[in-house]
Amino acid sequence: MRLVFAGTPEVAVPSLDALAASGHEVVGVVTRPDAPAGRGRKLVASPVGQRAEELGIPVLKPEHPRDPEFQEALRALQPDVCPVVAYGALLPQSALDIPVHGWVNLHFSVLPGWRGAAPVQHAIWAGDEVSGATTFRIVKELDAGPTFGVMTERIRPGDTAGDLLERLAEGGAGLLVATIDGIADGSLEAREQPPEGLSYAPKILVEDARVDWTEHAVAVDRRIRACTPAPGAWSTHEGERIKLGPVTHTETALEPGVLEVGKNHVLVGTGTTAVKLGDVKAFGKKQMAAADWARGARLETGARFGDG
């Protein structure tokens, strides 16, 4: 079948590679416009856009998929189906109607659980034991279209959102190819999502990533892992924002937000037992081990997080 792939971030690249290596023909790629990056703020193509150029596939970068010029260009490519992974823009019905078999999205959750922009982060934050990926036909309602296939992946105790998403991107690429194969040979039929188990996963904002040290240590751990690498969990010390990497649990008792500073460790009190900090990053500084940060900042036991 003739495919036009839509995707933007690095997590979508494995699916583009898998489709390009399949028996189908990727005749075009749709991605978000080039964006400023780096210190020079030069315009840089998205990871999917860069990979498409390496593969020699024509790239479309509409400001919005409702643009008539984009839809005309898409129609000229005569796609049978448009596979989608994390494209990042809402598709109007006029665009959805162009490919013969519609737009087929790879979504990183087991639908109908965790519809929305941040399914992996919310799964970790909620303490789910299993995550996964689902392929479905895109409809106007958010992530509500009929599903084709699903894969599951166990959430490991130390998983960050980045860790889990990397595994789902690789496994999901195979699922997406298998879905397109099934649509092509007529062996796969989409089924409506069940009404039970519906939940939503809105985008996690920077304000959401601020650690509440009065919470249970388990909740603190989950928030930090869910927000790693983005938007990045954080707290404050003397009014300065400190970005926090994943923590480990201890049996030490400390007041919420209070630090215990040792030669090779920094503990922080929570609503239950203290957690041991991993890497931290102070404003304008490089990421470093918490003990090195505390030493450089001349912190002593009794210092406190969450004061600004």
Protein backbone atom coordinates (compact mmCIF):
# COMPACT_ATOMS: atom_id res chain seq x y z
CA MET A 1 0.00 0.00 0.00
CA ARG A 2 0.98 3.64 -0.49
CA LEU A 3 1.68 5.21 2.90
CA VAL A 4 2.13 8.79 4.07
CA PHE A 5 3.60 8.69 7.56
CA ALA A 6 2.91 11.46 10.09
CA GLY A 7 5.13 11.96 13.14
CA THR A 8 7.46 14.46 14.75
CA PRO A 9 9.63 13.47 17.76
CA GLU A 10 12.35 10.86 18.18
CA VAL A 11 9.85 8.35 19.55
CA ALA A 12 8.22 8.18 16.10
CA VAL A 13 11.43 7.36 14.22
CA PRO A 14 11.40 3.58 14.89
CA SER A 15 7.95 3.35 13.28
CA LEU A 16 9.09 5.31 10.23
CA ASP A 17 12.10 3.02 9.87
CA ALA A 18 9.96 -0.12 10.26
CA LEU A 19 7.45 1.05 7.65
CA ALA A 20 10.21 2.06 5.24
CA ALA A 21 11.68 -1.45 5.55
CA SER A 22 8.30 -3.15 5.10
CA GLY A 23 6.67 -4.30 1.90
CA HIS A 24 4.69 -1.07 1.70
CA GLU A 25 5.72 2.13 -0.08
CA VAL A 26 6.21 5.24 2.07
CA VAL A 27 5.54 7.95 -0.51
CA GLY A 28 5.62 10.91 1.88
CA VAL A 29 6.11 12.08 5.46
CA VAL A 30 4.16 14.75 7.34
CA THR A 31 5.84 16.43 10.29
CA ARG A 32 5.70 19.66 12.26
CA PRO A 33 7.54 22.71 10.87
CA ASP A 34 11.21 23.27 11.66
CA ALA A 35 11.69 24.77 15.12
CA PRO A 36 14.42 26.87 16.80
CA ALA A 37 16.94 24.78 18.75
CA GLY A 38 20.29 25.17 20.48
CA ARG A 39 22.06 28.28 21.65
CA GLY A 40 21.93 29.88 18.23
CA ARG A 41 18.17 29.17 17.98
CA LYS A 42 18.61 28.04 14.41
CA LEU A 43 15.67 26.36 12.71
CA VAL A 44 16.09 22.58 12.88
CA ALA A 45 13.99 19.86 11.29
CA SER A 46 12.15 17.46 13.58
CA PRO A 47 13.74 14.03 14.21
CA VAL A 48 11.17 12.47 11.86
CA GLY A 49 11.82 15.14 9.24
CA GLN A 50 15.57 14.54 9.44
CA ARG A 51 15.16 10.78 9.16
CA ALA A 52 12.79 11.12 6.19
CA GLU A 53 15.36 13.26 4.37
CA GLU A 54 18.02 10.60 5.04
CA LEU A 55 15.69 7.98 3.56
CA GLY A 56 14.97 10.16 0.54
CA ILE A 57 11.25 10.47 1.29
CA PRO A 58 9.42 13.71 0.38
CA VAL A 59 8.52 15.73 3.49
CA LEU A 60 5.49 17.96 4.08
CA LYS A 61 5.68 20.50 6.93
CA PRO A 62 2.34 22.30 7.11
CA GLU A 63 1.77 24.99 9.70
CA HIS A 64 -1.56 23.25 10.25
CA PRO A 65 -3.06 20.20 8.49
CA ARG A 66 -6.18 22.22 7.68
CA ASP A 67 -4.14 24.30 5.20
CA PRO A 68 -5.62 23.81 1.69
CA GLU A 69 -2.14 23.67 0.11
CA PHE A 70 -1.15 20.79 2.40
CA GLN A 71 -4.33 18.85 1.75
CA GLU A 72 -3.86 19.30 -1.99
CA ALA A 73 -0.28 17.99 -1.73
CA LEU A 74 -1.42 15.05 0.41
CA ARG A 75 -4.19 14.19 -2.03
CA ALA A 76 -1.66 14.24 -4.89
CA LEU A 77 0.37 11.53 -3.11
CA GLN A 78 -2.70 9.23 -3.28
CA PRO A 79 -2.16 7.52 0.09
CA ASP A 80 -4.03 4.31 0.87
CA VAL A 81 -3.48 4.89 4.58
CA CYS A 82 -1.64 7.41 6.77
CA PRO A 83 0.10 5.84 9.79
CA VAL A 84 0.59 8.32 12.66
CA VAL A 85 2.92 8.38 15.67
CA ALA A 86 3.04 11.50 17.88
CA TYR A 87 2.46 13.96 15.04
CA GLY A 88 1.42 16.78 17.36
CA ALA A 89 -1.43 18.53 15.56
CA LEU A 90 -5.17 17.94 15.38
CA LEU A 91 -6.37 16.57 12.06
CA PRO A 92 -9.53 18.10 10.58
CA GLN A 93 -12.15 15.84 8.99
CA SER A 94 -11.21 17.13 5.55
CA ALA A 95 -7.70 15.70 6.03
CA LEU A 96 -8.95 12.50 7.68
CA ASP A 97 -11.07 11.79 4.60
CA ILE A 98 -8.17 11.83 2.11
CA PRO A 99 -6.54 8.38 2.53
CA VAL A 100 -8.65 5.41 1.44
CA HIS A 101 -8.26 3.57 4.75
CA GLY A 102 -7.98 6.65 6.95
CA TRP A 103 -5.29 7.62 9.44
CA VAL A 104 -4.06 4.86 11.75
CA ASN A 105 -2.53 6.05 15.01
CA LEU A 106 -0.05 4.24 17.25
CA HIS A 107 -0.93 5.41 20.77
CA PHE A 108 1.22 4.49 23.76
CA SER A 109 -1.40 3.04 26.09
CA VAL A 110 -3.88 0.19 26.19
CA LEU A 111 -7.00 2.03 25.12
CA PRO A 112 -9.46 3.18 26.35
CA GLY A 113 -7.11 3.77 29.28
CA TRP A 114 -5.04 6.96 29.19
CA ARG A 115 -6.38 8.79 26.18
CA GLY A 116 -4.51 12.03 25.61
CA ALA A 117 -1.09 13.61 25.28
CA ALA A 118 0.86 11.96 28.11
CA PRO A 119 -0.25 8.32 28.51
CA VAL A 120 3.14 6.92 29.52
CA GLN A 121 3.75 9.58 32.16
CA HIS A 122 0.31 9.10 33.69
CA ALA A 123 0.64 5.32 33.74
CA ILE A 124 3.84 5.58 35.79
CA TRP A 125 2.43 8.31 38.02
CA ALA A 126 -0.68 6.22 38.74
CA GLY A 127 1.40 3.17 39.65
CA ASP A 128 0.11 0.98 36.82
CA GLU A 129 1.84 -2.38 36.55
CA VAL A 130 1.30 -2.72 32.79
CA SER A 131 1.37 -0.25 29.91
CA GLY A 132 1.30 -0.86 26.19
CA ALA A 133 0.44 0.49 22.78
CA THR A 134 -2.69 0.43 20.63
CA THR A 135 -3.31 1.04 16.94
CA PHE A 136 -6.62 2.67 16.05
CA ARG A 137 -8.34 4.62 13.30
CA ILE A 138 -8.39 8.32 14.06
CA VAL A 139 -11.80 9.96 14.47
CA LYS A 140 -12.74 13.47 15.55
CA GLU A 141 -13.06 12.55 19.25
CA LEU A 142 -9.75 12.32 21.12
CA ASP A 143 -8.21 8.81 20.86
CA ALA A 144 -11.69 7.30 20.62
CA GLY A 145 -11.51 5.54 17.26
CA PRO A 146 -11.96 1.81 16.70
CA THR A 147 -8.88 -0.26 17.49
CA PHE A 148 -6.92 -2.70 15.33
CA GLY A 149 -4.27 -4.18 17.62
CA VAL A 150 -2.59 -3.93 21.00
CA MET A 151 0.68 -4.85 22.68
CA THR A 152 1.48 -4.77 26.40
CA GLU A 153 4.65 -3.97 28.30
CA ARG A 154 5.34 -4.43 32.01
CA ILE A 155 6.29 -1.26 33.85
CA ARG A 156 9.52 -1.98 35.74
CA PRO A 157 10.05 -0.60 39.26
CA GLY A 158 12.70 1.91 38.22
CA ASP A 159 11.22 2.93 34.88
CA THR A 160 11.17 6.60 33.98
CA ALA A 161 8.76 7.83 31.34
CA GLY A 162 11.71 7.97 28.96
CA ASP A 163 12.69 4.35 29.64
CA LEU A 164 9.19 3.01 29.11
CA LEU A 165 8.50 5.15 26.06
CA GLU A 166 11.69 3.92 24.39
CA ARG A 167 10.59 0.30 24.75
CA LEU A 168 7.06 1.06 23.59
CA ALA A 169 8.38 2.93 20.55
CA GLU A 170 10.38 -0.11 19.46
CA GLY A 171 7.64 -2.66 20.17
CA GLY A 172 4.95 -0.38 18.82
CA ALA A 173 6.75 -0.06 15.49
CA GLY A 174 6.22 -3.77 14.88
CA LEU A 175 2.58 -3.48 15.92
CA LEU A 176 2.04 -0.61 13.47
CA VAL A 177 3.55 -2.56 10.57
CA ALA A 178 1.45 -5.61 11.45
CA THR A 179 -1.64 -3.39 11.53
CA ILE A 180 -0.93 -1.95 8.09
CA ASP A 181 -0.29 -5.49 6.80
CA GLY A 182 -3.66 -6.59 8.19
CA ILE A 183 -5.50 -3.67 6.62
CA ALA A 184 -3.79 -4.37 3.29
CA ASP A 185 -4.75 -8.05 3.11
CA GLY A 186 -8.18 -7.56 4.68
CA SER A 187 -7.48 -9.81 7.66
CA LEU A 188 -7.81 -7.04 10.25
CA GLU A 189 -11.04 -5.33 11.23
CA ALA A 190 -11.27 -2.37 13.59
CA ARG A 191 -13.36 -2.83 16.72
CA GLU A 192 -15.04 -0.15 18.79
CA GLN A 193 -13.38 0.61 22.13
CA PRO A 194 -15.14 -0.76 25.24
CA PRO A 195 -16.82 1.83 27.48
CA GLU A 196 -15.16 0.44 30.62
CA GLY A 197 -11.74 1.59 31.81
CA LEU A 198 -11.75 5.01 30.20
CA SER A 199 -9.19 7.46 31.61
CA TYR A 200 -7.46 10.59 30.36
CA ALA A 201 -3.82 11.66 30.30
CA PRO A 202 -3.52 15.42 29.74
CA LYS A 203 -0.16 17.03 29.07
CA ILE A 204 1.97 17.34 32.22
CA LEU A 205 2.97 20.95 32.81
CA VAL A 206 6.06 22.27 34.58
CA GLU A 207 3.91 23.26 37.57
CA ASP A 208 2.66 19.67 37.86
CA ALA A 209 6.24 18.43 38.10
CA ARG A 210 7.00 20.26 41.34
CA VAL A 211 7.56 17.68 44.09
CA ASP A 212 5.29 17.76 47.13
CA TRP A 213 7.49 16.45 49.94
CA THR A 214 4.49 15.89 52.22
CA GLU A 215 3.33 13.06 49.96
CA HIS A 216 4.09 9.40 50.58
CA ALA A 217 7.60 8.39 49.45
CA VAL A 218 6.02 6.15 46.81
CA ALA A 219 4.08 9.10 45.37
CA VAL A 220 7.23 11.25 45.33
CA ASP A 221 9.11 8.51 43.49
CA ARG A 222 6.34 8.06 40.91
CA ARG A 223 6.02 11.78 40.21
CA ILE A 224 9.75 12.13 39.62
CA ARG A 225 9.96 9.09 37.32
CA ALA A 226 6.84 10.14 35.42
CA CYS A 227 8.33 13.58 34.77
CA THR A 228 11.72 12.25 33.62
CA PRO A 229 13.02 13.37 31.20
CA ALA A 230 10.28 15.93 30.50
CA PRO A 231 9.17 18.30 31.83
CA GLY A 232 11.59 17.35 34.64
CA ALA A 233 10.66 17.04 38.32
CA TRP A 234 11.89 19.87 40.52
CA SER A 235 11.93 21.48 43.91
CA THR A 236 13.46 24.65 45.32
CA HIS A 237 16.26 25.47 47.72
CA GLU A 238 16.63 29.05 48.91
CA GLY A 239 14.40 30.15 46.04
CA GLU A 240 16.46 28.41 43.37
CA ARG A 241 14.87 25.69 41.28
CA ILE A 242 16.62 22.32 41.46
CA LYS A 243 15.81 19.69 38.83
CA LEU A 244 15.63 16.18 40.29
CA GLY A 245 16.41 12.80 38.78
CA PRO A 246 14.94 9.49 40.00
CA VAL A 247 15.25 8.68 43.70
CA THR A 248 15.54 5.49 45.76
CA HIS A 249 13.67 4.53 48.91
CA THR A 250 15.21 4.34 52.39
CA GLU A 251 14.01 3.49 55.89
CA THR A 252 15.25 6.78 57.36
CA ALA A 253 12.75 9.09 59.04
CA LEU A 254 13.04 12.81 58.22
CA GLU A 255 10.59 15.70 58.25
CA PRO A 256 9.11 16.44 54.81
CA GLY A 257 11.55 18.43 52.67
CA VAL A 258 14.40 18.27 55.21
CA LEU A 259 17.78 17.14 53.88
CA GLU A 260 20.27 14.77 55.48
CA VAL A 261 23.65 15.41 53.88
CA GLY A 262 26.33 12.72 54.01
CA LYS A 263 29.69 12.31 52.32
CA ASN A 264 28.21 10.20 49.52
CA HIS A 265 24.48 10.75 49.78
CA VAL A 266 21.68 13.25 50.20
CA LEU A 267 18.37 12.14 51.71
CA VAL A 268 15.13 14.12 51.64
CA GLY A 269 12.21 13.61 54.00
CA THR A 270 8.74 12.86 52.66
CA GLY A 271 5.37 12.25 54.26
CA THR A 272 6.61 8.77 55.17
CA THR A 273 10.25 7.68 54.90
CA ALA A 274 13.07 9.63 53.28
CA VAL A 275 14.22 9.14 49.69
CA LYS A 276 17.81 9.21 48.46
CA LEU A 277 18.46 11.71 45.69
CA GLY A 278 20.13 10.56 42.48
CA ASP A 279 21.34 13.20 40.03
CA VAL A 280 20.30 16.81 40.39
CA LYS A 281 20.72 19.91 38.25
CA ALA A 282 20.85 23.40 39.67
CA PHE A 283 20.07 26.41 37.49
CA GLY A 284 22.99 27.19 35.18
CA LYS A 285 24.91 24.10 36.29
CA LYS A 286 25.47 20.72 34.71
CA GLN A 287 23.75 17.62 36.00
CA MET A 288 25.64 15.97 38.83
CA ALA A 289 25.37 13.50 41.70
CA ALA A 290 23.39 14.93 44.61
CA ALA A 291 26.32 14.59 47.01
CA ASP A 292 28.53 16.65 44.67
CA TRP A 293 25.85 19.30 44.37
CA ALA A 294 25.43 19.47 48.16
CA ARG A 295 29.17 19.74 48.64
CA GLY A 296 29.47 22.55 46.11
CA ALA A 297 26.51 24.39 47.64
CA ARG A 298 27.94 23.80 51.15
CA LEU A 299 24.73 22.25 52.37
CA GLU A 300 24.47 20.64 55.77
CA THR A 301 21.94 18.33 57.36
CA GLY A 302 18.85 20.33 58.28
CA ALA A 303 18.71 22.28 55.02
CA ARG A 304 15.30 22.20 53.42
CA PHE A 305 13.67 21.77 50.02
CA GLY A 306 10.46 23.40 48.95
CA ASP A 307 11.00 26.79 50.54
CA GLY A 308 10.58 29.06 47.57
